[in-house]
Structures are given as structure tokens and as C-alpha cells.
């Protein structure tokens, strides 16, 4: 499964405590990027966060990949489906509405 994963820094640490958190997050992100599972990644220039587009076999595998950062980062994930899936959904919805 392909996922869009957005990571935004939490405000649950003070500026002095930020350095160890930054190092941990960077190490975890580096590990993910080098795992071969990440297809795209960027950081935002307007806030403390960014996104990854990655492949995971299951939601459980995704959880394993991002869980080390959950205390430091707010995480939003979106699974991707193809445009063809949307067409099939619209066709099925149209049939249902005609009944």
C-alpha cells in the first residue's frame, strides 16, 4: 500500500530540549528514507514538518516505521488508491442511487 504521511512537530518540549528531539527525528527520518520504502520526501519551508510518500505492506508496518516519532511529531496518514479505483466507486455509487 502507498501512503502519504505528514509529520508536524509537536510543541511538547522547550527550546533547550529541542536539540535531542531534532536529532532523534532526523535519525528516524534518515533511517526511513534509506530503507527503500520512501518514494518521495520533503520538508515544509513554512512550518516544522514535512511529508513522506512511502510503501508499507500493512497499517501495522506503517505504524512500526513511524511510531518512534509519535511523541515528537503529530502524524496524519492517507492511503493512496488509483484513479481507476475512483471510477469503479463512482460507477457502483451511480448504480446504487438508481435503485
C-alpha atoms as a PDB file:
ATOM      1  CA  UNK A   1       0.000   0.000   0.000  1.00  0.00           C
ATOM      2  CA  UNK A   2       1.142   3.512  -0.746  1.00  0.00           C
ATOM      3  CA  UNK A   3       0.700   6.136   1.985  1.00  0.00           C
ATOM      4  CA  UNK A   4       1.074   9.893   2.238  1.00  0.00           C
ATOM      5  CA  UNK A   5       2.445  10.571   5.724  1.00  0.00           C
ATOM      6  CA  UNK A   6       2.506  14.119   7.079  1.00  0.00           C
ATOM      7  CA  UNK A   7       4.672  14.828  10.120  1.00  0.00           C
ATOM      8  CA  UNK A   8       4.376  18.098  12.072  1.00  0.00           C
ATOM      9  CA  UNK A   9       6.499  18.829  15.150  1.00  0.00           C
ATOM     10  CA  UNK A  10       4.598  18.848  18.426  1.00  0.00           C
ATOM     11  CA  UNK A  11       5.004  21.726  20.847  1.00  0.00           C
ATOM     12  CA  UNK A  12       5.518  19.458  23.854  1.00  0.00           C
ATOM     13  CA  UNK A  13       9.157  20.342  24.516  1.00  0.00           C
ATOM     14  CA  UNK A  14      11.002  23.570  25.328  1.00  0.00           C
ATOM     15  CA  UNK A  15      13.673  25.117  23.074  1.00  0.00           C
ATOM     16  CA  UNK A  16      16.537  23.706  25.166  1.00  0.00           C
ATOM     17  CA  UNK A  17      15.013  20.239  24.917  1.00  0.00           C
ATOM     18  CA  UNK A  18      14.552  20.580  21.147  1.00  0.00           C
ATOM     19  CA  UNK A  19      18.073  19.539  20.142  1.00  0.00           C
ATOM     20  CA  UNK A  20      17.861  15.895  21.295  1.00  0.00           C
ATOM     21  CA  UNK A  21      14.366  15.624  19.788  1.00  0.00           C
ATOM     22  CA  UNK A  22      15.608  17.072  16.482  1.00  0.00           C
ATOM     23  CA  UNK A  23      18.491  14.586  16.418  1.00  0.00           C
ATOM     24  CA  UNK A  24      16.158  11.665  17.114  1.00  0.00           C
ATOM     25  CA  UNK A  25      13.648  12.750  14.455  1.00  0.00           C
ATOM     26  CA  UNK A  26      16.407  13.292  11.901  1.00  0.00           C
ATOM     27  CA  UNK A  27      17.895   9.858  12.631  1.00  0.00           C
ATOM     28  CA  UNK A  28      14.490   8.175  12.292  1.00  0.00           C
ATOM     29  CA  UNK A  29      13.690  10.024   9.061  1.00  0.00           C
ATOM     30  CA  UNK A  30      17.114   9.170   7.663  1.00  0.00           C
ATOM     31  CA  UNK A  31      16.560   5.508   8.543  1.00  0.00           C
ATOM     32  CA  UNK A  32      13.174   5.575   6.789  1.00  0.00           C
ATOM     33  CA  UNK A  33      14.470   7.329   3.668  1.00  0.00           C
ATOM     34  CA  UNK A  34      17.332   4.831   3.389  1.00  0.00           C
ATOM     35  CA  UNK A  35      15.018   1.834   3.904  1.00  0.00           C
ATOM     36  CA  UNK A  36      13.929   1.821   0.262  1.00  0.00           C
ATOM     37  CA  UNK A  37      10.293   2.234   1.338  1.00  0.00           C
ATOM     38  CA  UNK A  38      10.156   6.016   0.804  1.00  0.00           C
ATOM     39  CA  UNK A  39       9.383   7.158  -2.727  1.00  0.00           C
ATOM     40  CA  UNK A  40       9.257  10.897  -2.076  1.00  0.00           C
ATOM     41  CA  UNK A  41      10.020  13.144   0.875  1.00  0.00           C
ATOM     42  CA  UNK A  42      10.123  16.852   1.516  1.00  0.00           C
ATOM     43  CA  UNK A  43      10.187  19.236   4.448  1.00  0.00           C
ATOM     44  CA  UNK A  44       7.982  22.307   4.619  1.00  0.00           C
ATOM     45  CA  UNK A  45       9.571  25.739   4.460  1.00  0.00           C
ATOM     46  CA  UNK A  46       6.734  27.386   6.375  1.00  0.00           C
ATOM     47  CA  UNK A  47       6.435  25.168   9.463  1.00  0.00           C
ATOM     48  CA  UNK A  48       8.275  22.448  11.381  1.00  0.00           C
ATOM     49  CA  UNK A  49       7.221  19.415   9.408  1.00  0.00           C
ATOM     50  CA  UNK A  50       7.103  17.663   6.105  1.00  0.00           C
ATOM     51  CA  UNK A  51       5.793  14.614   4.309  1.00  0.00           C
ATOM     52  CA  UNK A  52       6.771  11.192   3.051  1.00  0.00           C
ATOM     53  CA  UNK A  53       5.210   9.068   0.348  1.00  0.00           C
ATOM     54  CA  UNK A  54       6.033   5.507   1.259  1.00  0.00           C
ATOM     55  CA  UNK A  55       5.175   1.886   0.641  1.00  0.00           C
ATOM     56  CA  UNK A  56       4.037  -0.307   3.508  1.00  0.00           C
ATOM     57  CA  UNK A  57       2.595  -3.808   3.359  1.00  0.00           C
ATOM     58  CA  UNK A  58       0.021  -3.003   6.029  1.00  0.00           C
ATOM     59  CA  UNK A  59      -1.078  -0.339   8.505  1.00  0.00           C
ATOM     60  CA  UNK A  60       0.869  -2.286  11.133  1.00  0.00           C
ATOM     61  CA  UNK A  61       4.085  -1.965   9.119  1.00  0.00           C
ATOM     62  CA  UNK A  62       3.409   1.754   8.690  1.00  0.00           C
ATOM     63  CA  UNK A  63       2.968   2.040  12.464  1.00  0.00           C
ATOM     64  CA  UNK A  64       6.325   0.309  13.028  1.00  0.00           C
ATOM     65  CA  UNK A  65       8.013   2.781  10.681  1.00  0.00           C
ATOM     66  CA  UNK A  66       6.639   5.965  12.217  1.00  0.00           C
ATOM     67  CA  UNK A  67       5.957   5.032  15.851  1.00  0.00           C
ATOM     68  CA  UNK A  68       9.409   6.089  17.142  1.00  0.00           C
ATOM     69  CA  UNK A  69       8.489   9.684  16.233  1.00  0.00           C
ATOM     70  CA  UNK A  70       4.914   9.806  17.549  1.00  0.00           C
ATOM     71  CA  UNK A  71       5.801  11.536  20.832  1.00  0.00           C
ATOM     72  CA  UNK A  72       7.633  14.295  18.933  1.00  0.00           C
ATOM     73  CA  UNK A  73       5.562  14.559  15.759  1.00  0.00           C
ATOM     74  CA  UNK A  74       1.881  14.804  15.000  1.00  0.00           C
ATOM     75  CA  UNK A  75       1.199  12.270  12.241  1.00  0.00           C
ATOM     76  CA  UNK A  76      -1.521  12.229   9.580  1.00  0.00           C
ATOM     77  CA  UNK A  77      -1.635   9.431   7.041  1.00  0.00           C
ATOM     78  CA  UNK A  78      -3.637   8.945   3.886  1.00  0.00           C
ATOM     79  CA  UNK A  79      -3.610   5.716   1.873  1.00  0.00           C
ATOM     80  CA  UNK A  80      -3.496   6.193  -1.888  1.00  0.00           C
ATOM     81  CA  UNK A  81      -5.702   4.434  -4.423  1.00  0.00           C
ATOM     82  CA  UNK A  82      -5.598   4.743  -8.205  1.00  0.00           C
ATOM     83  CA  UNK A  83      -7.866   6.925 -10.305  1.00  0.00           C
ATOM     84  CA  UNK A  84      -9.281   3.659 -11.692  1.00  0.00           C
ATOM     85  CA  UNK A  85     -10.493   2.820  -8.188  1.00  0.00           C
ATOM     86  CA  UNK A  86     -12.349   6.114  -8.063  1.00  0.00           C
ATOM     87  CA  UNK A  87     -14.068   5.373 -11.392  1.00  0.00           C
ATOM     88  CA  UNK A  88     -15.204   1.973 -10.106  1.00  0.00           C
ATOM     89  CA  UNK A  89     -16.504   3.627  -6.917  1.00  0.00           C
ATOM     90  CA  UNK A  90     -18.445   6.252  -8.899  1.00  0.00           C
ATOM     91  CA  UNK A  91     -19.938   3.571 -11.167  1.00  0.00           C
ATOM     92  CA  UNK A  92     -21.056   1.480  -8.177  1.00  0.00           C
ATOM     93  CA  UNK A  93     -22.477   4.569  -6.457  1.00  0.00           C
ATOM     94  CA  UNK A  94     -24.427   5.504  -9.572  1.00  0.00           C
ATOM     95  CA  UNK A  95     -25.934   2.001  -9.762  1.00  0.00           C
ATOM     96  CA  UNK A  96     -26.859   2.151  -6.068  1.00  0.00           C
ATOM     97  CA  UNK A  97     -28.556   5.541  -6.464  1.00  0.00           C
ATOM     98  CA  UNK A  98     -30.669   4.318  -9.388  1.00  0.00           C
ATOM     99  CA  UNK A  99     -32.255   1.548  -7.302  1.00  0.00           C
END
